[in-house]
Amino acid sequence: MEVLFPRCAGIDVHKRTVVVCRIVLTDDGEWRRETRTYGTTSEDLLRLPDWLTAGDCTYVGLESTGEFWKPVFNILEGSFEVWLLNAQRVRRPGRKTDVRDAEWIAELLRHGLVQPSFILPRATSASCAS
């Protein structure tokens, strides 16, 4: 299957944790997959972009139920192409774990098998609130 994004990450967002899988094509042509778990405090989330940048990630796909995705999205959106993914469309078959879900999201994104959800731009959403 064709790889569209050779340096990307998949994120499974929860209330208290964020599980991230980074997939990177190394110089010797091997795929390296690394997974980390972060807390959802501002201090923890601010370390996430540094780790993604260290892997030269360009695209990030994140999946979340509810509104837990918003702080993660806000921190990452200026540095990466961030795609919010529909939880029903990225459901992984088989036994569910947070690490497996993050890996699955990264794989789907890497091959271009998902589409981002529409997020209203900040300027538009701010004018709608008034």
Protein backbone atom coordinates (compact mmCIF):
# COMPACT_ATOMS: atom_id res chain seq x y z
CA MET A 1 0.00 0.00 0.00
CA GLU A 2 1.32 3.46 -0.89
CA VAL A 3 2.63 5.67 1.91
CA LEU A 4 1.48 9.29 1.63
CA PHE A 5 2.94 10.66 4.86
CA PRO A 6 6.33 9.09 5.74
CA ARG A 7 6.64 11.04 9.02
CA CYS A 8 3.38 11.17 10.92
CA ALA A 9 1.77 10.49 14.27
CA GLY A 10 -1.51 9.10 15.58
CA ILE A 11 -2.95 10.35 18.86
CA ASP A 12 -5.64 8.73 20.99
CA VAL A 13 -6.95 11.43 23.35
CA HIS A 14 -8.61 10.71 26.71
CA LYS A 15 -9.57 12.79 29.71
CA ARG A 16 -6.35 12.16 31.67
CA THR A 17 -3.93 10.77 29.08
CA VAL A 18 -2.84 11.26 25.48
CA VAL A 19 -1.26 8.23 23.78
CA VAL A 20 0.91 9.11 20.78
CA CYS A 21 2.43 6.82 18.15
CA ARG A 22 5.08 8.36 15.92
CA ILE A 23 5.97 6.54 12.67
CA VAL A 24 9.09 7.70 10.88
CA LEU A 25 10.96 6.43 7.83
CA THR A 26 14.63 6.28 8.85
CA ASP A 27 17.58 7.09 6.59
CA ASP A 28 18.27 3.37 6.08
CA GLY A 29 14.73 2.78 4.75
CA GLU A 30 13.32 1.15 7.90
CA TRP A 31 10.07 2.17 9.56
CA ARG A 32 10.50 3.16 13.20
CA ARG A 33 7.41 3.20 15.40
CA GLU A 34 7.61 4.82 18.84
CA THR A 35 4.82 5.28 21.35
CA ARG A 36 4.59 7.61 24.34
CA THR A 37 1.92 8.54 26.84
CA TYR A 38 1.47 12.09 28.07
CA GLY A 39 -0.74 13.57 30.76
CA THR A 40 -3.29 16.20 29.85
CA THR A 41 -1.92 19.01 32.00
CA SER A 42 -0.56 22.01 30.12
CA GLU A 43 2.97 21.14 31.24
CA ASP A 44 2.72 17.62 29.82
CA LEU A 45 0.99 18.66 26.59
CA LEU A 46 3.64 21.32 25.88
CA ARG A 47 6.28 18.56 25.70
CA LEU A 48 4.35 16.76 22.94
CA PRO A 49 5.23 19.09 20.02
CA ASP A 50 8.93 18.85 20.91
CA TRP A 51 8.84 15.06 20.62
CA LEU A 52 6.94 15.18 17.33
CA THR A 53 9.34 17.79 15.93
CA ALA A 54 12.33 15.64 16.95
CA GLY A 55 10.89 12.93 14.68
CA ASP A 56 10.31 15.42 11.85
CA CYS A 57 6.58 14.65 11.88
CA THR A 58 4.53 16.77 9.53
CA TYR A 59 1.04 15.26 9.87
CA VAL A 60 -0.78 14.37 13.06
CA GLY A 61 -4.11 12.56 13.28
CA LEU A 62 -6.02 12.68 16.52
CA GLU A 63 -9.11 10.88 17.67
CA SER A 64 -11.17 11.76 20.69
CA THR A 65 -14.67 11.35 21.93
CA GLY A 66 -16.13 14.42 23.54
CA GLU A 67 -14.20 17.69 23.68
CA PHE A 68 -10.91 16.41 25.10
CA TRP A 69 -9.24 16.97 21.71
CA LYS A 70 -9.42 20.78 21.85
CA PRO A 71 -6.34 21.51 24.07
CA VAL A 72 -4.23 19.01 22.11
CA PHE A 73 -5.35 20.46 18.79
CA ASN A 74 -4.70 24.04 19.94
CA ILE A 75 -1.14 23.21 21.02
CA LEU A 76 -0.27 21.35 17.81
CA GLU A 77 -2.08 23.31 15.09
CA GLY A 78 0.59 25.98 14.58
CA SER A 79 3.42 23.50 14.03
CA PHE A 80 1.82 20.53 12.25
CA GLU A 81 -0.94 19.65 9.84
CA VAL A 82 -3.42 18.34 12.44
CA TRP A 83 -6.38 16.23 11.41
CA LEU A 84 -9.25 15.62 13.81
CA LEU A 85 -10.56 12.16 12.94
CA ASN A 86 -14.03 10.77 13.47
CA ALA A 87 -13.91 8.10 16.20
CA GLN A 88 -16.39 5.85 14.36
CA ARG A 89 -14.31 5.90 11.17
CA VAL A 90 -11.01 4.97 12.81
CA ARG A 91 -12.34 2.18 15.02
CA ARG A 92 -9.76 -0.58 15.15
CA PRO A 93 -10.85 -4.20 14.82
CA GLY A 94 -9.85 -6.60 17.57
CA ARG A 95 -8.89 -6.05 21.17
CA LYS A 96 -8.86 -2.36 22.12
CA THR A 97 -5.98 -0.69 23.96
CA ASP A 98 -4.89 2.93 23.90
CA VAL A 99 -1.48 2.04 22.43
CA ARG A 100 -3.02 -0.10 19.67
CA ASP A 101 -5.51 2.65 18.89
CA ALA A 102 -2.73 5.26 18.53
CA GLU A 103 -0.74 2.89 16.29
CA TRP A 104 -3.82 2.21 14.17
CA ILE A 105 -4.56 5.93 13.78
CA ALA A 106 -0.93 6.53 12.71
CA GLU A 107 -1.11 3.70 10.16
CA LEU A 108 -4.39 4.94 8.68
CA LEU A 109 -3.01 8.45 8.40
CA ARG A 110 0.31 7.29 6.96
CA HIS A 111 -1.50 5.58 4.08
CA GLY A 112 -4.07 8.34 3.56
CA LEU A 113 -7.01 6.14 4.55
CA VAL A 114 -8.73 8.80 6.66
CA GLN A 115 -10.11 12.27 6.08
CA PRO A 116 -10.03 15.15 8.54
CA SER A 117 -13.20 16.44 10.11
CA PHE A 118 -14.18 20.02 9.39
CA ILE A 119 -13.30 22.43 12.19
CA LEU A 120 -14.74 25.91 12.03
CA PRO A 121 -11.91 28.49 11.86
CA ARG A 122 -11.35 30.50 15.06
CA ALA A 123 -12.27 33.87 13.49
CA THR A 124 -15.58 32.46 12.26
CA SER A 125 -16.42 30.66 15.49
CA ALA A 126 -15.64 33.79 17.53
CA SER A 127 -17.99 35.94 15.42
CA CYS A 128 -20.74 33.31 15.73
CA ALA A 129 -20.57 33.48 19.53
CA SER A 130 -21.40 37.17 19.68
